[in-house]
Amino acid sequence: MNIRRRRKNAVEVHNSALNDILFILLLFFLIVSTLANPNVIKLTLPKAKTNTKAKQTVVVSIDNNHEFFIGTTKVAFDDLKAALVPTLARENVDPTIVINAEKSVPIEEVVKVMEIARELGVRVVLATANPQSN
């Protein structure tokens, strides 16, 4: 009888292909992450560190009912451009429109006022919340 122990082969795991697969997966996720839509990122609105009310010439306010005001005078949107022209003409130095919109107002309303200001050739400033007033 042959009682000698047979030498068993050592078990090996070949992982050279694993490195290739991990490298390909890494490249795939890097490329996909750069193509991701940036619009899904939640943004917080900026707070101003400086006072935007330092040089106000004309203030256009929009409340949560989508009503427009020049100063404290209520104006219909259709008449906004016509109402702004004489108000801006009274200003001696480069006139500025400060847009003061409530937080719940859709951005389209603000953009409408910005378009009117662009047509009139006037600078626009968007009023923001003071960071210390939280």
C-alpha atoms as a PDB file:
ATOM      1  CA  MET A   1       0.000   0.000   0.000  1.00  0.00           C
ATOM      2  CA  ASN A   2       1.084   3.393  -0.857  1.00  0.00           C
ATOM      3  CA  ILE A   3       0.593   5.484   2.308  1.00  0.00           C
ATOM      4  CA  ARG A   4       2.418   8.558   1.098  1.00  0.00           C
ATOM      5  CA  ARG A   5       0.393  11.698   1.127  1.00  0.00           C
ATOM      6  CA  ARG A   6      -0.189  13.173  -2.192  1.00  0.00           C
ATOM      7  CA  ARG A   7       0.771  16.725  -2.570  1.00  0.00           C
ATOM      8  CA  LYS A   8      -2.389  18.792  -3.059  1.00  0.00           C
ATOM      9  CA  ASN A   9      -2.416  21.614  -5.526  1.00  0.00           C
ATOM     10  CA  ALA A  10      -2.776  25.047  -3.980  1.00  0.00           C
ATOM     11  CA  VAL A  11      -5.973  26.834  -4.908  1.00  0.00           C
ATOM     12  CA  GLU A  12      -5.374  30.111  -6.731  1.00  0.00           C
ATOM     13  CA  VAL A  13      -7.739  32.865  -7.668  1.00  0.00           C
ATOM     14  CA  HIS A  14      -6.697  34.784 -10.746  1.00  0.00           C
ATOM     15  CA  ASN A  15      -7.641  38.384 -10.202  1.00  0.00           C
ATOM     16  CA  SER A  16      -5.935  40.016 -13.168  1.00  0.00           C
ATOM     17  CA  ALA A  17      -9.287  40.307 -14.968  1.00  0.00           C
ATOM     18  CA  LEU A  18     -10.815  41.871 -11.851  1.00  0.00           C
ATOM     19  CA  ASN A  19      -8.521  44.900 -12.178  1.00  0.00           C
ATOM     20  CA  ASP A  20      -9.646  45.442 -15.768  1.00  0.00           C
ATOM     21  CA  ILE A  21     -13.302  45.195 -14.840  1.00  0.00           C
ATOM     22  CA  LEU A  22     -12.914  47.659 -11.959  1.00  0.00           C
ATOM     23  CA  PHE A  23     -11.065  50.114 -14.205  1.00  0.00           C
ATOM     24  CA  ILE A  24     -13.825  49.941 -16.840  1.00  0.00           C
ATOM     25  CA  LEU A  25     -16.507  50.450 -14.175  1.00  0.00           C
ATOM     26  CA  LEU A  26     -14.633  53.424 -12.768  1.00  0.00           C
ATOM     27  CA  LEU A  27     -14.421  55.019 -16.211  1.00  0.00           C
ATOM     28  CA  PHE A  28     -18.087  54.331 -16.843  1.00  0.00           C
ATOM     29  CA  PHE A  29     -19.213  56.042 -13.616  1.00  0.00           C
ATOM     30  CA  LEU A  30     -16.916  59.010 -14.188  1.00  0.00           C
ATOM     31  CA  ILE A  31     -18.321  59.586 -17.659  1.00  0.00           C
ATOM     32  CA  VAL A  32     -21.922  59.111 -16.533  1.00  0.00           C
ATOM     33  CA  SER A  33     -21.489  61.492 -13.593  1.00  0.00           C
ATOM     34  CA  THR A  34     -20.309  64.290 -15.898  1.00  0.00           C
ATOM     35  CA  LEU A  35     -23.344  63.807 -18.131  1.00  0.00           C
ATOM     36  CA  ALA A  36     -25.783  63.971 -15.217  1.00  0.00           C
ATOM     37  CA  ASN A  37     -28.374  66.718 -15.361  1.00  0.00           C
ATOM     38  CA  PRO A  38     -27.285  69.609 -13.105  1.00  0.00           C
ATOM     39  CA  ASN A  39     -30.916  70.718 -12.678  1.00  0.00           C
ATOM     40  CA  VAL A  40     -31.553  68.013 -10.105  1.00  0.00           C
ATOM     41  CA  ILE A  41     -29.272  69.718  -7.587  1.00  0.00           C
ATOM     42  CA  LYS A  42     -31.103  71.542  -4.809  1.00  0.00           C
ATOM     43  CA  LEU A  43     -30.005  75.141  -4.604  1.00  0.00           C
ATOM     44  CA  THR A  44     -30.329  77.591  -1.768  1.00  0.00           C
ATOM     45  CA  LEU A  45     -30.922  81.177  -2.679  1.00  0.00           C
ATOM     46  CA  PRO A  46     -27.988  83.485  -2.039  1.00  0.00           C
ATOM     47  CA  LYS A  47     -28.005  86.036   0.711  1.00  0.00           C
ATOM     48  CA  ALA A  48     -26.385  89.386   0.161  1.00  0.00           C
ATOM     49  CA  LYS A  49     -23.554  90.540   2.395  1.00  0.00           C
ATOM     50  CA  THR A  50     -23.864  94.115   1.216  1.00  0.00           C
ATOM     51  CA  ASN A  51     -26.833  96.415   1.199  1.00  0.00           C
ATOM     52  CA  THR A  52     -28.520  96.413  -2.231  1.00  0.00           C
ATOM     53  CA  LYS A  53     -30.690  99.366  -1.208  1.00  0.00           C
ATOM     54  CA  ALA A  54     -27.776 101.813  -1.144  1.00  0.00           C
ATOM     55  CA  LYS A  55     -28.582 103.418  -4.517  1.00  0.00           C
ATOM     56  CA  GLN A  56     -32.218 102.734  -5.249  1.00  0.00           C
ATOM     57  CA  THR A  57     -33.817 104.749  -7.966  1.00  0.00           C
ATOM     58  CA  VAL A  58     -37.002 102.831  -8.811  1.00  0.00           C
ATOM     59  CA  VAL A  59     -38.368  99.905  -6.809  1.00  0.00           C
ATOM     60  CA  VAL A  60     -40.646  97.408  -8.538  1.00  0.00           C
ATOM     61  CA  SER A  61     -42.295  95.071  -6.054  1.00  0.00           C
ATOM     62  CA  ILE A  62     -44.161  91.848  -6.809  1.00  0.00           C
ATOM     63  CA  ASP A  63     -46.348  90.382  -4.087  1.00  0.00           C
ATOM     64  CA  ASN A  64     -47.565  86.807  -3.680  1.00  0.00           C
ATOM     65  CA  ASN A  65     -50.778  87.639  -5.619  1.00  0.00           C
ATOM     66  CA  HIS A  66     -48.627  88.516  -8.675  1.00  0.00           C
ATOM     67  CA  GLU A  67     -49.500  92.207  -8.385  1.00  0.00           C
ATOM     68  CA  PHE A  68     -46.899  94.759  -9.466  1.00  0.00           C
ATOM     69  CA  PHE A  69     -46.073  97.962  -7.608  1.00  0.00           C
ATOM     70  CA  ILE A  70     -43.829 100.880  -8.551  1.00  0.00           C
ATOM     71  CA  GLY A  71     -42.873 102.240  -5.164  1.00  0.00           C
ATOM     72  CA  THR A  72     -46.217 101.956  -3.369  1.00  0.00           C
ATOM     73  CA  THR A  73     -48.409 102.530  -6.436  1.00  0.00           C
ATOM     74  CA  LYS A  74     -50.184  99.447  -7.773  1.00  0.00           C
ATOM     75  CA  VAL A  75     -49.716  99.026 -11.540  1.00  0.00           C
ATOM     76  CA  ALA A  76     -51.107  96.420 -13.939  1.00  0.00           C
ATOM     77  CA  PHE A  77     -48.401  94.457 -15.742  1.00  0.00           C
ATOM     78  CA  ASP A  78     -49.564  95.702 -19.144  1.00  0.00           C
ATOM     79  CA  ASP A  79     -49.049  99.320 -17.969  1.00  0.00           C
ATOM     80  CA  LEU A  80     -45.733  98.646 -16.186  1.00  0.00           C
ATOM     81  CA  LYS A  81     -43.462  99.742 -19.030  1.00  0.00           C
ATOM     82  CA  ALA A  82     -45.455 102.926 -19.672  1.00  0.00           C
ATOM     83  CA  ALA A  83     -45.422 103.752 -15.945  1.00  0.00           C
ATOM     84  CA  LEU A  84     -41.671 103.170 -15.638  1.00  0.00           C
ATOM     85  CA  VAL A  85     -40.660 105.515 -18.479  1.00  0.00           C
ATOM     86  CA  PRO A  86     -41.565 108.825 -16.755  1.00  0.00           C
ATOM     87  CA  THR A  87     -40.285 107.591 -13.401  1.00  0.00           C
ATOM     88  CA  LEU A  88     -36.898 106.651 -14.883  1.00  0.00           C
ATOM     89  CA  ALA A  89     -36.728 109.925 -16.866  1.00  0.00           C
ATOM     90  CA  ARG A  90     -36.657 111.885 -13.581  1.00  0.00           C
ATOM     91  CA  GLU A  91     -33.394 110.205 -12.554  1.00  0.00           C
ATOM     92  CA  ASN A  92     -30.252 112.227 -13.334  1.00  0.00           C
ATOM     93  CA  VAL A  93     -27.615 109.497 -13.081  1.00  0.00           C
ATOM     94  CA  ASP A  94     -27.755 105.968 -14.466  1.00  0.00           C
ATOM     95  CA  PRO A  95     -31.189 104.706 -13.461  1.00  0.00           C
ATOM     96  CA  THR A  96     -31.571 101.374 -11.731  1.00  0.00           C
ATOM     97  CA  ILE A  97     -34.637  99.206 -11.176  1.00  0.00           C
ATOM     98  CA  VAL A  98     -34.608  97.254  -7.925  1.00  0.00           C
ATOM     99  CA  ILE A  99     -36.857  94.194  -8.128  1.00  0.00           C
ATOM    100  CA  ASN A 100     -38.282  93.256  -4.759  1.00  0.00           C
ATOM    101  CA  ALA A 101     -40.171  89.982  -5.245  1.00  0.00           C
ATOM    102  CA  GLU A 102     -41.732  87.840  -2.565  1.00  0.00           C
ATOM    103  CA  LYS A 103     -40.188  84.397  -2.086  1.00  0.00           C
ATOM    104  CA  SER A 104     -43.224  82.532  -3.462  1.00  0.00           C
ATOM    105  CA  VAL A 105     -43.363  84.518  -6.726  1.00  0.00           C
ATOM    106  CA  PRO A 106     -42.415  82.387  -9.770  1.00  0.00           C
ATOM    107  CA  ILE A 107     -39.200  83.409 -11.512  1.00  0.00           C
ATOM    108  CA  GLU A 108     -41.121  84.073 -14.742  1.00  0.00           C
ATOM    109  CA  GLU A 109     -42.663  87.163 -13.128  1.00  0.00           C
ATOM    110  CA  VAL A 110     -39.215  88.491 -12.218  1.00  0.00           C
ATOM    111  CA  VAL A 111     -37.905  87.760 -15.716  1.00  0.00           C
ATOM    112  CA  LYS A 112     -40.793  89.739 -17.241  1.00  0.00           C
ATOM    113  CA  VAL A 113     -39.696  92.819 -15.283  1.00  0.00           C
ATOM    114  CA  MET A 114     -36.065  92.192 -16.273  1.00  0.00           C
ATOM    115  CA  GLU A 115     -37.091  92.066 -19.950  1.00  0.00           C
ATOM    116  CA  ILE A 116     -38.860  95.411 -19.617  1.00  0.00           C
ATOM    117  CA  ALA A 117     -35.760  96.891 -17.986  1.00  0.00           C
ATOM    118  CA  ARG A 118     -33.583  95.542 -20.810  1.00  0.00           C
ATOM    119  CA  GLU A 119     -35.880  97.122 -23.385  1.00  0.00           C
ATOM    120  CA  LEU A 120     -35.597 100.439 -21.548  1.00  0.00           C
ATOM    121  CA  GLY A 121     -31.808 100.120 -21.250  1.00  0.00           C
ATOM    122  CA  VAL A 122     -31.855 100.221 -17.462  1.00  0.00           C
ATOM    123  CA  ARG A 123     -29.722  98.349 -14.953  1.00  0.00           C
ATOM    124  CA  VAL A 124     -31.511  95.777 -12.778  1.00  0.00           C
ATOM    125  CA  VAL A 125     -30.796  94.744  -9.199  1.00  0.00           C
ATOM    126  CA  LEU A 126     -32.606  91.861  -7.520  1.00  0.00           C
ATOM    127  CA  ALA A 127     -33.228  92.545  -3.843  1.00  0.00           C
ATOM    128  CA  THR A 128     -32.174  89.719  -1.500  1.00  0.00           C
ATOM    129  CA  ALA A 129     -32.683  88.955   2.157  1.00  0.00           C
ATOM    130  CA  ASN A 130     -30.229  90.257   4.698  1.00  0.00           C
ATOM    131  CA  PRO A 131     -28.341  87.256   6.178  1.00  0.00           C
ATOM    132  CA  GLN A 132     -28.583  88.664   9.712  1.00  0.00           C
ATOM    133  CA  SER A 133     -32.392  88.939   9.556  1.00  0.00           C
ATOM    134  CA  ASN A 134     -33.056  85.181   9.936  1.00  0.00           C
END
